[in-house]
Amino acid sequence: MHGLKTRQPSVVVCIPVFNDAKSAALLLDKLDAVAASLPYDFAVVFVDDGSRHEECAALPGPTPHIPAVEVLRLRRNLGHQRAIAIGLSFIAAETDADYAVVMDGDGEDCPSSLPELLATATDGSPHTAVFAERLKRHDGAGFMVGYRTFRLLHRLFVGRDVKVGNFSVLPRPVLERVVGVSEIWNHYAAGVYHARIPVMQVPIARGRRLAGESKMNLPSLVMHGICALSVWSDVIVSRLFVIVAGLMAAVVAALGAVLAIRLFTTAAIPGWATFTAGMLVIGGLLLGIVSLLLAVFVLGNRSAANFLPHRDWRDYVLPEDHAAVAGRTPLATE
């Protein structure tokens, strides 16, 4: 694996791609135009997420203003969130970049918006991540219904809205923290927020895909939403505990009311109190089982060994020099 040493200040852009070389080429051209107007030394790392060999070979090489382009080829398809985790870990371990940028490879993260994000990161604290806050999306009605449903569920279970995607800038000190966050293996943005890393949001409209069609089908989108929620499993379980505790208190109160009616009044219908009390006891037992399962889940999750991106990323990268195979100049080591 090749390292990178660039002039100061330096920016390395992490772009996950999967069978999308045409979009990646168009995106790199747009990035080159942006790099020409900015006072940074740019490099790009394409994280090839298990694409076909011909698609990987077709990924673009250096441009006039982005002379360093690396292709990090993964052993198998892992999904773009895990590709991002590996790409950021590579940048942290093998480069001295002042800023790491995360962009989707389809062009929906507009390179023309990158100067605004970089300016915010440069003017702000070096210990704060900068994320693009989505103002507008160009998606079909079906996707938008699902997206709004996910945002509603996220607000209900987690207590906060979802306003950001992958498009972001990480100053070096933040990058060093992020690659130690195990949750980014499942969802990058949710992992950053869950780790309580300071974040600034910059309102930016989402662009349109540059070429081809999205590789995200309905099952993939559903799984993406589940992964985002899984990062907040501790918060979700805590909220469920409160709900279960409230329901159990209601069951106890209702059981007390049934007994009081049965013992101290003549209003009870014969057999009613026994039936109602039995149903309440069964409901209470079910709630107790749910509480036990939640407790086991939390304890098991806390005792499980976590994937640490900065420690484990190399296990998922093919060892051979794919940059050289594809005819590109590897990122320089000196």
C-alpha atoms as a PDB file:
ATOM      1  CA  MET A   1       0.000   0.000   0.000  1.00  0.00           C
ATOM      2  CA  HIS A   2       1.366   3.401  -0.936  1.00  0.00           C
ATOM      3  CA  GLY A   3       1.513   6.449   1.286  1.00  0.00           C
ATOM      4  CA  LEU A   4       1.047  10.061   0.350  1.00  0.00           C
ATOM      5  CA  LYS A   5       2.913  13.172   1.328  1.00  0.00           C
ATOM      6  CA  THR A   6       1.707  16.443  -0.080  1.00  0.00           C
ATOM      7  CA  ARG A   7       2.337  20.151   0.314  1.00  0.00           C
ATOM      8  CA  GLN A   8       0.402  22.043   2.946  1.00  0.00           C
ATOM      9  CA  PRO A   9      -2.525  22.457   3.120  1.00  0.00           C
ATOM     10  CA  SER A  10      -3.628  19.167   1.628  1.00  0.00           C
ATOM     11  CA  VAL A  11      -6.986  17.540   0.939  1.00  0.00           C
ATOM     12  CA  VAL A  12      -7.582  13.849   0.220  1.00  0.00           C
ATOM     13  CA  VAL A  13     -11.028  12.969  -1.127  1.00  0.00           C
ATOM     14  CA  CYS A  14     -12.465   9.535  -0.255  1.00  0.00           C
ATOM     15  CA  ILE A  15     -14.919   8.291  -2.906  1.00  0.00           C
ATOM     16  CA  PRO A  16     -16.543   4.835  -2.591  1.00  0.00           C
ATOM     17  CA  VAL A  17     -17.473   3.304  -5.957  1.00  0.00           C
ATOM     18  CA  PHE A  18     -19.196   0.108  -7.041  1.00  0.00           C
ATOM     19  CA  ASN A  19     -19.464  -0.684 -10.766  1.00  0.00           C
ATOM     20  CA  ASP A  20     -19.778   3.042 -11.477  1.00  0.00           C
ATOM     21  CA  ALA A  21     -16.585   4.018 -13.318  1.00  0.00           C
ATOM     22  CA  LYS A  22     -18.384   6.343 -15.753  1.00  0.00           C
ATOM     23  CA  SER A  23     -19.853   8.475 -12.963  1.00  0.00           C
ATOM     24  CA  ALA A  24     -16.496   8.414 -11.176  1.00  0.00           C
ATOM     25  CA  ALA A  25     -14.731   9.752 -14.273  1.00  0.00           C
ATOM     26  CA  LEU A  26     -17.234  12.584 -14.692  1.00  0.00           C
ATOM     27  CA  LEU A  27     -17.010  13.368 -10.992  1.00  0.00           C
ATOM     28  CA  LEU A  28     -13.219  13.520 -11.101  1.00  0.00           C
ATOM     29  CA  ASP A  29     -13.365  15.968 -14.014  1.00  0.00           C
ATOM     30  CA  LYS A  30     -15.623  18.242 -11.965  1.00  0.00           C
ATOM     31  CA  LEU A  31     -13.358  17.871  -8.947  1.00  0.00           C
ATOM     32  CA  ASP A  32     -10.369  18.823 -11.098  1.00  0.00           C
ATOM     33  CA  ALA A  33     -12.098  22.055 -12.121  1.00  0.00           C
ATOM     34  CA  VAL A  34     -12.801  22.849  -8.477  1.00  0.00           C
ATOM     35  CA  ALA A  35      -9.249  21.959  -7.413  1.00  0.00           C
ATOM     36  CA  ALA A  36      -7.904  24.428  -9.970  1.00  0.00           C
ATOM     37  CA  SER A  37      -9.597  27.279  -8.110  1.00  0.00           C
ATOM     38  CA  LEU A  38      -8.688  26.314  -4.543  1.00  0.00           C
ATOM     39  CA  PRO A  39      -5.435  26.862  -2.588  1.00  0.00           C
ATOM     40  CA  TYR A  40      -5.106  23.188  -1.627  1.00  0.00           C
ATOM     41  CA  ASP A  41      -3.067  20.267  -2.843  1.00  0.00           C
ATOM     42  CA  PHE A  42      -5.649  17.646  -3.836  1.00  0.00           C
ATOM     43  CA  ALA A  43      -5.489  13.860  -3.991  1.00  0.00           C
ATOM     44  CA  VAL A  44      -8.259  11.282  -4.475  1.00  0.00           C
ATOM     45  CA  VAL A  45      -8.741   7.787  -3.092  1.00  0.00           C
ATOM     46  CA  PHE A  46     -11.315   5.674  -4.925  1.00  0.00           C
ATOM     47  CA  VAL A  47     -12.435   2.832  -2.663  1.00  0.00           C
ATOM     48  CA  ASP A  48     -13.494   0.138  -5.119  1.00  0.00           C
ATOM     49  CA  ASP A  49     -16.158  -1.799  -3.247  1.00  0.00           C
ATOM     50  CA  GLY A  50     -15.745  -5.146  -5.008  1.00  0.00           C
ATOM     51  CA  SER A  51     -16.556  -3.954  -8.537  1.00  0.00           C
ATOM     52  CA  ARG A  52     -16.071  -6.089 -11.633  1.00  0.00           C
ATOM     53  CA  HIS A  53     -12.466  -6.085 -12.805  1.00  0.00           C
ATOM     54  CA  GLU A  54     -13.232  -4.117 -15.963  1.00  0.00           C
ATOM     55  CA  GLU A  55     -15.058  -1.460 -13.930  1.00  0.00           C
ATOM     56  CA  CYS A  56     -12.137  -1.138 -11.543  1.00  0.00           C
ATOM     57  CA  ALA A  57      -9.695  -0.898 -14.448  1.00  0.00           C
ATOM     58  CA  ALA A  58     -11.816   1.889 -15.975  1.00  0.00           C
ATOM     59  CA  LEU A  59     -11.587   4.142 -12.913  1.00  0.00           C
ATOM     60  CA  PRO A  60      -9.911   7.430 -13.867  1.00  0.00           C
ATOM     61  CA  GLY A  61      -6.323   8.381 -13.159  1.00  0.00           C
ATOM     62  CA  PRO A  62      -4.592  11.681 -12.365  1.00  0.00           C
ATOM     63  CA  THR A  63      -5.839  14.993 -13.748  1.00  0.00           C
ATOM     64  CA  PRO A  64      -3.981  18.277 -14.256  1.00  0.00           C
ATOM     65  CA  HIS A  65      -4.899  19.572 -10.798  1.00  0.00           C
ATOM     66  CA  ILE A  66      -5.262  16.236  -8.981  1.00  0.00           C
ATOM     67  CA  PRO A  67      -1.935  14.524  -9.721  1.00  0.00           C
ATOM     68  CA  ALA A  68      -2.333  11.812  -7.069  1.00  0.00           C
ATOM     69  CA  VAL A  69      -5.101   9.226  -7.510  1.00  0.00           C
ATOM     70  CA  GLU A  70      -5.161   5.907  -5.634  1.00  0.00           C
ATOM     71  CA  VAL A  71      -7.538   2.980  -6.108  1.00  0.00           C
ATOM     72  CA  LEU A  72      -8.061   0.961  -2.956  1.00  0.00           C
ATOM     73  CA  ARG A  73      -9.652  -2.312  -4.047  1.00  0.00           C
ATOM     74  CA  LEU A  74     -11.599  -4.292  -1.455  1.00  0.00           C
ATOM     75  CA  ARG A  75     -11.651  -8.085  -1.322  1.00  0.00           C
ATOM     76  CA  ARG A  76     -15.457  -8.145  -1.612  1.00  0.00           C
ATOM     77  CA  ASN A  77     -18.454  -5.868  -1.735  1.00  0.00           C
ATOM     78  CA  LEU A  78     -19.066  -4.498   1.748  1.00  0.00           C
ATOM     79  CA  GLY A  79     -21.435  -1.594   1.081  1.00  0.00           C
ATOM     80  CA  HIS A  80     -20.568   2.059   0.733  1.00  0.00           C
ATOM     81  CA  GLN A  81     -20.631   2.811   4.488  1.00  0.00           C
ATOM     82  CA  ARG A  82     -17.942   0.240   5.199  1.00  0.00           C
ATOM     83  CA  ALA A  83     -16.020   1.333   2.113  1.00  0.00           C
ATOM     84  CA  ILE A  84     -15.986   4.845   3.587  1.00  0.00           C
ATOM     85  CA  ALA A  85     -14.692   3.521   6.924  1.00  0.00           C
ATOM     86  CA  ILE A  86     -11.851   1.715   5.157  1.00  0.00           C
ATOM     87  CA  GLY A  87     -11.052   4.698   2.939  1.00  0.00           C
ATOM     88  CA  LEU A  88     -10.839   7.083   5.891  1.00  0.00           C
ATOM     89  CA  SER A  89      -8.657   4.617   7.779  1.00  0.00           C
ATOM     90  CA  PHE A  90      -6.319   4.425   4.776  1.00  0.00           C
ATOM     91  CA  ILE A  91      -6.109   8.225   4.593  1.00  0.00           C
ATOM     92  CA  ALA A  92      -5.388   8.493   8.322  1.00  0.00           C
ATOM     93  CA  ALA A  93      -2.729   5.757   8.260  1.00  0.00           C
ATOM     94  CA  GLU A  94      -1.031   6.358   4.909  1.00  0.00           C
ATOM     95  CA  THR A  95      -1.259  10.114   4.278  1.00  0.00           C
ATOM     96  CA  ASP A  96      -0.521  13.348   6.061  1.00  0.00           C
ATOM     97  CA  ALA A  97      -3.637  15.074   4.731  1.00  0.00           C
ATOM     98  CA  ASP A  98      -4.819  18.163   6.578  1.00  0.00           C
ATOM     99  CA  TYR A  99      -8.406  17.465   5.529  1.00  0.00           C
ATOM    100  CA  ALA A 100     -10.259  14.325   4.506  1.00  0.00           C
ATOM    101  CA  VAL A 101     -13.342  14.756   2.330  1.00  0.00           C
ATOM    102  CA  VAL A 102     -16.038  12.110   1.915  1.00  0.00           C
ATOM    103  CA  MET A 103     -18.112  12.188  -1.266  1.00  0.00           C
ATOM    104  CA  ASP A 104     -20.445   9.739  -2.965  1.00  0.00           C
ATOM    105  CA  GLY A 105     -19.175   8.601  -6.357  1.00  0.00           C
ATOM    106  CA  ASP A 106     -22.365   9.266  -8.348  1.00  0.00           C
ATOM    107  CA  GLY A 107     -22.114  13.058  -8.434  1.00  0.00           C
ATOM    108  CA  GLU A 108     -25.066  13.762  -6.142  1.00  0.00           C
ATOM    109  CA  ASP A 109     -22.523  15.316  -3.789  1.00  0.00           C
ATOM    110  CA  CYS A 110     -21.724  18.328  -5.991  1.00  0.00           C
ATOM    111  CA  PRO A 111     -18.025  19.206  -6.278  1.00  0.00           C
ATOM    112  CA  SER A 112     -19.125  22.828  -6.747  1.00  0.00           C
ATOM    113  CA  SER A 113     -20.280  22.789  -3.089  1.00  0.00           C
ATOM    114  CA  LEU A 114     -16.916  21.566  -1.810  1.00  0.00           C
ATOM    115  CA  PRO A 115     -15.342  25.060  -1.515  1.00  0.00           C
ATOM    116  CA  GLU A 116     -18.091  26.092   0.909  1.00  0.00           C
ATOM    117  CA  LEU A 117     -17.536  23.027   3.092  1.00  0.00           C
ATOM    118  CA  LEU A 118     -13.750  23.484   3.037  1.00  0.00           C
ATOM    119  CA  ALA A 119     -14.065  27.174   3.877  1.00  0.00           C
ATOM    120  CA  THR A 120     -16.271  26.326   6.850  1.00  0.00           C
ATOM    121  CA  ALA A 121     -13.787  23.697   8.024  1.00  0.00           C
ATOM    122  CA  THR A 122     -10.837  26.070   7.577  1.00  0.00           C
ATOM    123  CA  ASP A 123     -12.507  28.965   9.389  1.00  0.00           C
ATOM    124  CA  GLY A 124     -13.910  26.793  12.176  1.00  0.00           C
ATOM    125  CA  SER A 125     -12.346  24.642  14.865  1.00  0.00           C
ATOM    126  CA  PRO A 126      -9.936  21.904  13.729  1.00  0.00           C
ATOM    127  CA  HIS A 127     -11.790  19.628  16.141  1.00  0.00           C
ATOM    128  CA  THR A 128     -15.155  19.986  14.389  1.00  0.00           C
ATOM    129  CA  ALA A 129     -16.481  17.900  11.496  1.00  0.00           C
ATOM    130  CA  VAL A 130     -18.363  19.706   8.724  1.00  0.00           C
ATOM    131  CA  PHE A 131     -21.341  17.955   7.088  1.00  0.00           C
ATOM    132  CA  ALA A 132     -23.564  19.028   4.221  1.00  0.00           C
ATOM    133  CA  GLU A 133     -27.142  19.484   5.426  1.00  0.00           C
ATOM    134  CA  ARG A 134     -29.550  18.381   2.722  1.00  0.00           C
ATOM    135  CA  LEU A 135     -31.920  21.084   1.503  1.00  0.00           C
ATOM    136  CA  LYS A 136     -33.356  19.390  -1.587  1.00  0.00           C
ATOM    137  CA  ARG A 137     -33.263  15.946  -3.179  1.00  0.00           C
ATOM    138  CA  HIS A 138     -33.919  14.880  -6.784  1.00  0.00           C
ATOM    139  CA  ASP A 139     -35.499  11.486  -6.183  1.00  0.00           C
ATOM    140  CA  GLY A 140     -38.699   9.739  -7.213  1.00  0.00           C
ATOM    141  CA  ALA A 141     -41.925   9.748  -5.223  1.00  0.00           C
ATOM    142  CA  GLY A 142     -41.410   6.195  -3.944  1.00  0.00           C
ATOM    143  CA  PHE A 143     -37.965   6.989  -2.584  1.00  0.00           C
ATOM    144  CA  MET A 144     -39.168  10.203  -0.938  1.00  0.00           C
ATOM    145  CA  VAL A 145     -42.014   8.366   0.827  1.00  0.00           C
ATOM    146  CA  GLY A 146     -39.534   5.843   2.198  1.00  0.00           C
ATOM    147  CA  TYR A 147     -37.042   8.565   3.097  1.00  0.00           C
ATOM    148  CA  ARG A 148     -39.622  10.599   5.007  1.00  0.00           C
ATOM    149  CA  THR A 149     -40.836   7.459   6.779  1.00  0.00           C
ATOM    150  CA  PHE A 150     -37.271   6.705   7.846  1.00  0.00           C
ATOM    151  CA  ARG A 151     -36.815  10.262   9.142  1.00  0.00           C
ATOM    152  CA  LEU A 152     -40.033   9.928  11.141  1.00  0.00           C
ATOM    153  CA  LEU A 153     -38.930   6.605  12.658  1.00  0.00           C
ATOM    154  CA  HIS A 154     -35.490   8.027  13.401  1.00  0.00           C
ATOM    155  CA  ARG A 155     -37.026  11.008  15.183  1.00  0.00           C
ATOM    156  CA  LEU A 156     -39.362   8.701  17.117  1.00  0.00           C
ATOM    157  CA  PHE A 157     -36.780   6.146  18.245  1.00  0.00           C
ATOM    158  CA  VAL A 158     -33.633   8.266  18.462  1.00  0.00           C
ATOM    159  CA  GLY A 159     -35.049  11.679  19.285  1.00  0.00           C
ATOM    160  CA  ARG A 160     -33.330  13.596  16.496  1.00  0.00           C
ATOM    161  CA  ASP A 161     -33.895  14.254  12.815  1.00  0.00           C
ATOM    162  CA  VAL A 162     -31.692  13.040   9.956  1.00  0.00           C
ATOM    163  CA  LYS A 163     -30.403  15.931   7.868  1.00  0.00           C
ATOM    164  CA  VAL A 164     -27.003  14.816   6.596  1.00  0.00           C
ATOM    165  CA  GLY A 165     -25.520  12.194   4.281  1.00  0.00           C
ATOM    166  CA  ASN A 166     -21.914  11.246   3.578  1.00  0.00           C
ATOM    167  CA  PHE A 167     -20.721  14.557   2.079  1.00  0.00           C
ATOM    168  CA  SER A 168     -18.380  16.003   4.699  1.00  0.00           C
ATOM    169  CA  VAL A 169     -14.979  17.456   5.556  1.00  0.00           C
ATOM    170  CA  LEU A 170     -12.890  16.134   8.447  1.00  0.00           C
ATOM    171  CA  PRO A 171      -9.916  18.170   9.674  1.00  0.00           C
ATOM    172  CA  ARG A 172      -6.965  15.988  10.620  1.00  0.00           C
ATOM    173  CA  PRO A 173      -7.663  15.924  14.403  1.00  0.00           C
ATOM    174  CA  VAL A 174     -11.270  14.866  13.725  1.00  0.00           C
ATOM    175  CA  LEU A 175     -10.150  12.231  11.218  1.00  0.00           C
ATOM    176  CA  GLU A 176      -7.901  10.659  13.846  1.00  0.00           C
ATOM    177  CA  ARG A 177     -10.904  10.404  16.168  1.00  0.00           C
ATOM    178  CA  VAL A 178     -13.383   9.162  13.581  1.00  0.00           C
ATOM    179  CA  VAL A 179     -11.281   6.164  12.510  1.00  0.00           C
ATOM    180  CA  GLY A 180     -11.417   4.965  16.109  1.00  0.00           C
ATOM    181  CA  VAL A 181     -15.238   4.979  16.136  1.00  0.00           C
ATOM    182  CA  SER A 182     -16.453   1.418  15.620  1.00  0.00           C
ATOM    183  CA  GLU A 183     -19.966   2.576  14.666  1.00  0.00           C
ATOM    184  CA  ILE A 184     -18.847   4.078  11.350  1.00  0.00           C
ATOM    185  CA  TRP A 185     -18.496   0.482  10.141  1.00  0.00           C
ATOM    186  CA  ASN A 186     -22.301   0.385   9.979  1.00  0.00           C
ATOM    187  CA  HIS A 187     -23.107   4.022   9.245  1.00  0.00           C
ATOM    188  CA  TYR A 188     -20.571   6.804   8.824  1.00  0.00           C
ATOM    189  CA  ALA A 189     -22.626   9.916   9.652  1.00  0.00           C
ATOM    190  CA  ALA A 190     -24.585   8.256  12.468  1.00  0.00           C
ATOM    191  CA  GLY A 191     -21.305   6.994  13.949  1.00  0.00           C
ATOM    192  CA  VAL A 192     -19.834  10.503  14.007  1.00  0.00           C
ATOM    193  CA  TYR A 193     -22.902  11.924  15.724  1.00  0.00           C
ATOM    194  CA  HIS A 194     -23.190   9.003  18.142  1.00  0.00           C
ATOM    195  CA  ALA A 195     -19.549   9.484  19.172  1.00  0.00           C
ATOM    196  CA  ARG A 196     -20.464  13.074  20.115  1.00  0.00           C
ATOM    197  CA  ILE A 197     -17.854  14.562  17.861  1.00  0.00           C
ATOM    198  CA  PRO A 198     -18.653  18.274  17.351  1.00  0.00           C
ATOM    199  CA  VAL A 199     -20.362  18.834  13.993  1.00  0.00           C
ATOM    200  CA  MET A 200     -21.195  21.903  11.939  1.00  0.00           C
ATOM    201  CA  GLN A 201     -23.869  21.607   9.250  1.00  0.00           C
ATOM    202  CA  VAL A 202     -23.783  23.633   6.037  1.00  0.00           C
ATOM    203  CA  PRO A 203     -27.073  23.784   4.072  1.00  0.00           C
ATOM    204  CA  ILE A 204     -26.399  22.403   0.563  1.00  0.00           C
ATOM    205  CA  ALA A 205     -28.795  21.116  -2.095  1.00  0.00           C
ATOM    206  CA  ARG A 206     -28.189  17.591  -3.351  1.00  0.00           C
ATOM    207  CA  GLY A 207     -27.206  17.250  -7.001  1.00  0.00           C
ATOM    208  CA  ARG A 208     -28.234  14.763  -9.668  1.00  0.00           C
ATOM    209  CA  ARG A 209     -26.560  11.505 -10.628  1.00  0.00           C
ATOM    210  CA  LEU A 210     -23.983  12.060 -13.376  1.00  0.00           C
ATOM    211  CA  ALA A 211     -24.437   8.774 -15.260  1.00  0.00           C
ATOM    212  CA  GLY A 212     -26.158   5.420 -15.084  1.00  0.00           C
ATOM    213  CA  GLU A 213     -28.603   4.296 -12.409  1.00  0.00           C
ATOM    214  CA  SER A 214     -28.322   3.969  -8.678  1.00  0.00           C
ATOM    215  CA  LYS A 215     -27.083   0.612  -7.360  1.00  0.00           C
ATOM    216  CA  MET A 216     -29.277   1.048  -4.264  1.00  0.00           C
ATOM    217  CA  ASN A 217     -32.484  -0.985  -4.637  1.00  0.00           C
ATOM    218  CA  LEU A 218     -35.324  -1.138  -2.101  1.00  0.00           C
ATOM    219  CA  PRO A 219     -33.760  -3.870   0.101  1.00  0.00           C
ATOM    220  CA  SER A 220     -30.456  -1.955   0.097  1.00  0.00           C
ATOM    221  CA  LEU A 221     -32.191   1.273   1.127  1.00  0.00           C
ATOM    222  CA  VAL A 222     -34.102  -0.507   3.898  1.00  0.00           C
ATOM    223  CA  MET A 223     -30.884  -2.084   5.180  1.00  0.00           C
ATOM    224  CA  HIS A 224     -29.164   1.309   5.016  1.00  0.00           C
ATOM    225  CA  GLY A 225     -31.877   2.743   7.259  1.00  0.00           C
ATOM    226  CA  ILE A 226     -31.631  -0.198   9.667  1.00  0.00           C
ATOM    227  CA  CYS A 227     -27.855   0.267   9.892  1.00  0.00           C
ATOM    228  CA  ALA A 228     -28.340   3.951  10.720  1.00  0.00           C
ATOM    229  CA  LEU A 229     -30.759   3.040  13.511  1.00  0.00           C
ATOM    230  CA  SER A 230     -28.495   0.244  14.778  1.00  0.00           C
ATOM    231  CA  VAL A 231     -25.817   2.794  15.646  1.00  0.00           C
ATOM    232  CA  TRP A 232     -28.275   4.268  18.149  1.00  0.00           C
ATOM    233  CA  SER A 233     -29.238   0.887  19.643  1.00  0.00           C
ATOM    234  CA  ASP A 234     -28.329   2.034  23.157  1.00  0.00           C
ATOM    235  CA  VAL A 235     -30.609   5.072  22.877  1.00  0.00           C
ATOM    236  CA  ILE A 236     -33.416   3.039  21.305  1.00  0.00           C
ATOM    237  CA  VAL A 237     -33.185   0.342  23.997  1.00  0.00           C
ATOM    238  CA  SER A 238     -33.210   3.006  26.734  1.00  0.00           C
ATOM    239  CA  ARG A 239     -36.383   4.508  25.276  1.00  0.00           C
ATOM    240  CA  LEU A 240     -37.972   1.066  25.025  1.00  0.00           C
ATOM    241  CA  PHE A 241     -37.088   0.407  28.675  1.00  0.00           C
ATOM    242  CA  VAL A 242     -38.928   3.580  29.676  1.00  0.00           C
ATOM    243  CA  ILE A 243     -41.941   2.577  27.574  1.00  0.00           C
ATOM    244  CA  VAL A 244     -41.980  -0.972  29.008  1.00  0.00           C
ATOM    245  CA  ALA A 245     -41.623   0.368  32.550  1.00  0.00           C
ATOM    246  CA  GLY A 246     -44.558   2.697  31.968  1.00  0.00           C
ATOM    247  CA  LEU A 247     -46.682  -0.144  30.583  1.00  0.00           C
ATOM    248  CA  MET A 248     -45.791  -2.396  33.531  1.00  0.00           C
ATOM    249  CA  ALA A 249     -46.783   0.374  35.938  1.00  0.00           C
ATOM    250  CA  ALA A 250     -50.089   0.685  34.081  1.00  0.00           C
ATOM    251  CA  VAL A 251     -50.609  -3.105  34.337  1.00  0.00           C
ATOM    252  CA  VAL A 252     -49.966  -3.048  38.088  1.00  0.00           C
ATOM    253  CA  ALA A 253     -52.350  -0.104  38.525  1.00  0.00           C
ATOM    254  CA  ALA A 254     -55.035  -1.835  36.448  1.00  0.00           C
ATOM    255  CA  LEU A 255     -54.583  -5.062  38.422  1.00  0.00           C
ATOM    256  CA  GLY A 256     -54.986  -3.135  41.660  1.00  0.00           C
ATOM    257  CA  ALA A 257     -58.150  -1.509  40.324  1.00  0.00           C
ATOM    258  CA  VAL A 258     -59.594  -4.902  39.334  1.00  0.00           C
ATOM    259  CA  LEU A 259     -58.898  -6.344  42.796  1.00  0.00           C
ATOM    260  CA  ALA A 260     -60.395  -3.299  44.487  1.00  0.00           C
ATOM    261  CA  ILE A 261     -63.563  -3.574  42.408  1.00  0.00           C
ATOM    262  CA  ARG A 262     -63.800  -7.305  43.132  1.00  0.00           C
ATOM    263  CA  LEU A 263     -63.194  -7.069  46.880  1.00  0.00           C
ATOM    264  CA  PHE A 264     -64.818  -3.788  47.883  1.00  0.00           C
ATOM    265  CA  THR A 265     -67.740  -3.320  45.482  1.00  0.00           C
ATOM    266  CA  THR A 266     -70.639  -5.329  44.110  1.00  0.00           C
ATOM    267  CA  ALA A 267     -70.192  -3.986  40.560  1.00  0.00           C
ATOM    268  CA  ALA A 268     -68.056  -6.888  39.318  1.00  0.00           C
ATOM    269  CA  ILE A 269     -69.696  -9.414  36.975  1.00  0.00           C
ATOM    270  CA  PRO A 270     -69.091 -13.047  38.098  1.00  0.00           C
ATOM    271  CA  GLY A 271     -65.900 -14.344  36.514  1.00  0.00           C
ATOM    272  CA  TRP A 272     -64.925 -10.896  35.192  1.00  0.00           C
ATOM    273  CA  ALA A 273     -62.309 -10.158  37.818  1.00  0.00           C
ATOM    274  CA  THR A 274     -60.595 -13.535  37.399  1.00  0.00           C
ATOM    275  CA  PHE A 275     -60.455 -13.232  33.607  1.00  0.00           C
ATOM    276  CA  THR A 276     -59.261  -9.621  33.636  1.00  0.00           C
ATOM    277  CA  ALA A 277     -56.649 -10.233  36.324  1.00  0.00           C
ATOM    278  CA  GLY A 278     -55.366 -13.269  34.428  1.00  0.00           C
ATOM    279  CA  MET A 279     -54.998 -11.257  31.221  1.00  0.00           C
ATOM    280  CA  LEU A 280     -53.188  -8.481  33.070  1.00  0.00           C
ATOM    281  CA  VAL A 281     -50.796 -10.976  34.698  1.00  0.00           C
ATOM    282  CA  ILE A 282     -50.029 -12.521  31.290  1.00  0.00           C
ATOM    283  CA  GLY A 283     -49.444  -9.037  29.857  1.00  0.00           C
ATOM    284  CA  GLY A 284     -47.132  -8.226  32.770  1.00  0.00           C
ATOM    285  CA  LEU A 285     -45.167 -11.441  32.232  1.00  0.00           C
ATOM    286  CA  LEU A 286     -44.752 -10.652  28.528  1.00  0.00           C
ATOM    287  CA  LEU A 287     -43.509  -7.166  29.372  1.00  0.00           C
ATOM    288  CA  GLY A 288     -41.084  -8.719  31.881  1.00  0.00           C
ATOM    289  CA  ILE A 289     -39.759 -11.059  29.184  1.00  0.00           C
ATOM    290  CA  VAL A 290     -39.327  -8.097  26.839  1.00  0.00           C
ATOM    291  CA  SER A 291     -37.384  -6.247  29.553  1.00  0.00           C
ATOM    292  CA  LEU A 292     -35.157  -9.286  30.111  1.00  0.00           C
ATOM    293  CA  LEU A 293     -34.448  -9.590  26.380  1.00  0.00           C
ATOM    294  CA  LEU A 294     -33.603  -5.893  26.172  1.00  0.00           C
ATOM    295  CA  ALA A 295     -31.228  -6.236  29.125  1.00  0.00           C
ATOM    296  CA  VAL A 296     -29.517  -9.252  27.533  1.00  0.00           C
ATOM    297  CA  PHE A 297     -29.185  -7.361  24.241  1.00  0.00           C
ATOM    298  CA  VAL A 298     -27.597  -4.337  25.906  1.00  0.00           C
ATOM    299  CA  LEU A 299     -25.177  -6.404  27.998  1.00  0.00           C
ATOM    300  CA  GLY A 300     -24.244  -8.600  25.028  1.00  0.00           C
ATOM    301  CA  ASN A 301     -23.678  -5.586  22.818  1.00  0.00           C
ATOM    302  CA  ARG A 302     -21.409  -3.957  25.376  1.00  0.00           C
ATOM    303  CA  SER A 303     -19.309  -7.080  25.907  1.00  0.00           C
ATOM    304  CA  ALA A 304     -18.916  -7.907  22.197  1.00  0.00           C
ATOM    305  CA  ALA A 305     -15.601  -7.188  20.487  1.00  0.00           C
ATOM    306  CA  ASN A 306     -15.926  -4.160  18.214  1.00  0.00           C
ATOM    307  CA  PHE A 307     -14.502  -3.613  14.751  1.00  0.00           C
ATOM    308  CA  LEU A 308     -12.031  -0.732  14.942  1.00  0.00           C
ATOM    309  CA  PRO A 309     -11.487   0.856  11.510  1.00  0.00           C
ATOM    310  CA  HIS A 310      -7.963   2.154  12.169  1.00  0.00           C
ATOM    311  CA  ARG A 311      -6.881  -1.280  13.437  1.00  0.00           C
ATOM    312  CA  ASP A 312      -8.722  -3.700  11.143  1.00  0.00           C
ATOM    313  CA  TRP A 313      -9.115  -1.966   7.754  1.00  0.00           C
ATOM    314  CA  ARG A 314      -6.153  -3.676   6.094  1.00  0.00           C
ATOM    315  CA  ASP A 315      -7.817  -7.100   6.398  1.00  0.00           C
ATOM    316  CA  TYR A 316     -10.399  -6.049   3.791  1.00  0.00           C
ATOM    317  CA  VAL A 317      -8.027  -4.596   1.171  1.00  0.00           C
ATOM    318  CA  LEU A 318      -6.471  -6.656  -1.601  1.00  0.00           C
ATOM    319  CA  PRO A 319      -2.704  -6.713  -1.034  1.00  0.00           C
ATOM    320  CA  GLU A 320      -1.544  -6.286  -4.640  1.00  0.00           C
ATOM    321  CA  ASP A 321      -0.842  -2.882  -6.171  1.00  0.00           C
ATOM    322  CA  HIS A 322      -4.059  -2.182  -8.106  1.00  0.00           C
ATOM    323  CA  ALA A 323      -3.054   1.364  -8.910  1.00  0.00           C
ATOM    324  CA  ALA A 324      -0.146   0.020 -10.932  1.00  0.00           C
ATOM    325  CA  VAL A 325      -2.269  -2.705 -12.513  1.00  0.00           C
ATOM    326  CA  ALA A 326      -4.728  -0.102 -13.738  1.00  0.00           C
ATOM    327  CA  GLY A 327      -1.964   1.979 -15.255  1.00  0.00           C
ATOM    328  CA  ARG A 328      -2.097   4.792 -12.690  1.00  0.00           C
ATOM    329  CA  THR A 329       0.703   6.444 -10.825  1.00  0.00           C
ATOM    330  CA  PRO A 330       0.523   5.406  -7.138  1.00  0.00           C
ATOM    331  CA  LEU A 331       0.412   8.065  -4.448  1.00  0.00           C
ATOM    332  CA  ALA A 332       4.015   9.063  -3.743  1.00  0.00           C
ATOM    333  CA  THR A 333       5.670   8.035  -0.497  1.00  0.00           C
ATOM    334  CA  GLU A 334       8.055  10.926  -0.351  1.00  0.00           C
END
